[in-house]
Amino acid sequence: TAQDFQNAVHFSALPESLQATLKGRGANKTPTKERISIRLSPEVVDYFRKTGNGWQTRINGALQEWVSSKCL
């Protein structure tokens, strides 16, 4: 709300300890995946989307399983 913005404090005005807590993703949350673009058939995308949230992670899991089966 407008009142919330009036009461807001700029990030640089916060104590350094709080800034450190709020800043960045942290070492344990660094990305372990690579962002790419990939073209998939509509049937594949529809199937995984219908499974709900996390469908992209499930596609990744299916691909990992396939790679593992090929790389004995």
C-alpha atoms as a PDB file:
ATOM      1  CA  THR A   1       0.000   0.000   0.000  1.00  0.00           C
ATOM      2  CA  ALA A   2       1.011   3.637  -0.171  1.00  0.00           C
ATOM      3  CA  GLN A   3       1.514   3.588   3.615  1.00  0.00           C
ATOM      4  CA  ASP A   4       3.890   0.631   3.317  1.00  0.00           C
ATOM      5  CA  PHE A   5       6.008   2.556   0.810  1.00  0.00           C
ATOM      6  CA  GLN A   6       6.064   5.590   3.101  1.00  0.00           C
ATOM      7  CA  ASN A   7       7.322   3.412   5.954  1.00  0.00           C
ATOM      8  CA  ALA A   8       9.900   1.598   3.841  1.00  0.00           C
ATOM      9  CA  VAL A   9      13.589   1.904   4.669  1.00  0.00           C
ATOM     10  CA  HIS A  10      16.219   1.840   1.911  1.00  0.00           C
ATOM     11  CA  PHE A  11      18.347  -1.298   1.859  1.00  0.00           C
ATOM     12  CA  SER A  12      21.541   0.688   2.494  1.00  0.00           C
ATOM     13  CA  ALA A  13      20.014   2.107   5.707  1.00  0.00           C
ATOM     14  CA  LEU A  14      19.597  -1.368   7.218  1.00  0.00           C
ATOM     15  CA  PRO A  15      22.201  -2.746   9.642  1.00  0.00           C
ATOM     16  CA  GLU A  16      25.065  -4.511   7.830  1.00  0.00           C
ATOM     17  CA  SER A  17      24.249  -7.813   9.557  1.00  0.00           C
ATOM     18  CA  LEU A  18      20.711  -7.689   8.144  1.00  0.00           C
ATOM     19  CA  GLN A  19      21.986  -6.655   4.710  1.00  0.00           C
ATOM     20  CA  ALA A  20      24.290  -9.676   4.693  1.00  0.00           C
ATOM     21  CA  THR A  21      21.370 -11.949   5.608  1.00  0.00           C
ATOM     22  CA  LEU A  22      19.114 -10.571   2.883  1.00  0.00           C
ATOM     23  CA  LYS A  23      21.731 -10.183   0.162  1.00  0.00           C
ATOM     24  CA  GLY A  24      22.231 -12.820  -2.517  1.00  0.00           C
ATOM     25  CA  ARG A  25      21.322 -16.457  -2.680  1.00  0.00           C
ATOM     26  CA  GLY A  26      24.079 -17.778  -0.433  1.00  0.00           C
ATOM     27  CA  ALA A  27      26.724 -20.396  -1.068  1.00  0.00           C
ATOM     28  CA  ASN A  28      24.422 -23.373  -0.480  1.00  0.00           C
ATOM     29  CA  LYS A  29      21.912 -22.117  -3.062  1.00  0.00           C
ATOM     30  CA  THR A  30      24.171 -21.461  -6.030  1.00  0.00           C
ATOM     31  CA  PRO A  31      22.640 -22.666  -9.260  1.00  0.00           C
ATOM     32  CA  THR A  32      23.517 -26.253 -10.057  1.00  0.00           C
ATOM     33  CA  LYS A  33      21.652 -26.229 -13.347  1.00  0.00           C
ATOM     34  CA  GLU A  34      22.298 -24.433 -16.591  1.00  0.00           C
ATOM     35  CA  ARG A  35      19.614 -22.226 -18.135  1.00  0.00           C
ATOM     36  CA  ILE A  36      18.999 -23.177 -21.775  1.00  0.00           C
ATOM     37  CA  SER A  37      16.302 -23.003 -24.414  1.00  0.00           C
ATOM     38  CA  ILE A  38      14.980 -26.272 -25.713  1.00  0.00           C
ATOM     39  CA  ARG A  39      12.204 -27.028 -28.157  1.00  0.00           C
ATOM     40  CA  LEU A  40       9.953 -29.910 -27.116  1.00  0.00           C
ATOM     41  CA  SER A  41       6.881 -31.317 -28.777  1.00  0.00           C
ATOM     42  CA  PRO A  42       3.567 -29.950 -27.499  1.00  0.00           C
ATOM     43  CA  GLU A  43       2.573 -33.455 -26.371  1.00  0.00           C
ATOM     44  CA  VAL A  44       5.609 -33.725 -24.092  1.00  0.00           C
ATOM     45  CA  VAL A  45       5.104 -30.257 -22.617  1.00  0.00           C
ATOM     46  CA  ASP A  46       1.355 -30.816 -22.125  1.00  0.00           C
ATOM     47  CA  TYR A  47       1.956 -34.160 -20.411  1.00  0.00           C
ATOM     48  CA  PHE A  48       4.426 -32.734 -17.903  1.00  0.00           C
ATOM     49  CA  ARG A  49       2.486 -29.503 -17.299  1.00  0.00           C
ATOM     50  CA  LYS A  50      -0.607 -31.530 -16.410  1.00  0.00           C
ATOM     51  CA  THR A  51       1.389 -33.162 -13.608  1.00  0.00           C
ATOM     52  CA  GLY A  52       1.398 -29.818 -11.759  1.00  0.00           C
ATOM     53  CA  ASN A  53       4.048 -27.591 -10.242  1.00  0.00           C
ATOM     54  CA  GLY A  54       7.576 -28.867 -10.653  1.00  0.00           C
ATOM     55  CA  TRP A  55       6.942 -30.180 -14.167  1.00  0.00           C
ATOM     56  CA  GLN A  56      10.261 -28.794 -15.463  1.00  0.00           C
ATOM     57  CA  THR A  57      12.101 -30.597 -12.679  1.00  0.00           C
ATOM     58  CA  ARG A  58      10.331 -33.815 -13.672  1.00  0.00           C
ATOM     59  CA  ILE A  59      11.437 -33.354 -17.291  1.00  0.00           C
ATOM     60  CA  ASN A  60      14.984 -32.943 -16.001  1.00  0.00           C
ATOM     61  CA  GLY A  61      14.596 -36.130 -13.945  1.00  0.00           C
ATOM     62  CA  ALA A  62      13.284 -38.071 -16.946  1.00  0.00           C
ATOM     63  CA  LEU A  63      16.233 -36.902 -19.031  1.00  0.00           C
ATOM     64  CA  GLN A  64      18.693 -37.768 -16.255  1.00  0.00           C
ATOM     65  CA  GLU A  65      17.181 -41.246 -16.014  1.00  0.00           C
ATOM     66  CA  TRP A  66      17.538 -41.713 -19.777  1.00  0.00           C
ATOM     67  CA  VAL A  67      21.159 -40.532 -19.744  1.00  0.00           C
ATOM     68  CA  SER A  68      21.964 -42.880 -16.834  1.00  0.00           C
ATOM     69  CA  SER A  69      20.501 -45.838 -18.750  1.00  0.00           C
ATOM     70  CA  LYS A  70      22.713 -45.036 -21.760  1.00  0.00           C
ATOM     71  CA  CYS A  71      25.928 -44.391 -19.840  1.00  0.00           C
ATOM     72  CA  LEU A  72      26.498 -47.719 -18.155  1.00  0.00           C
END
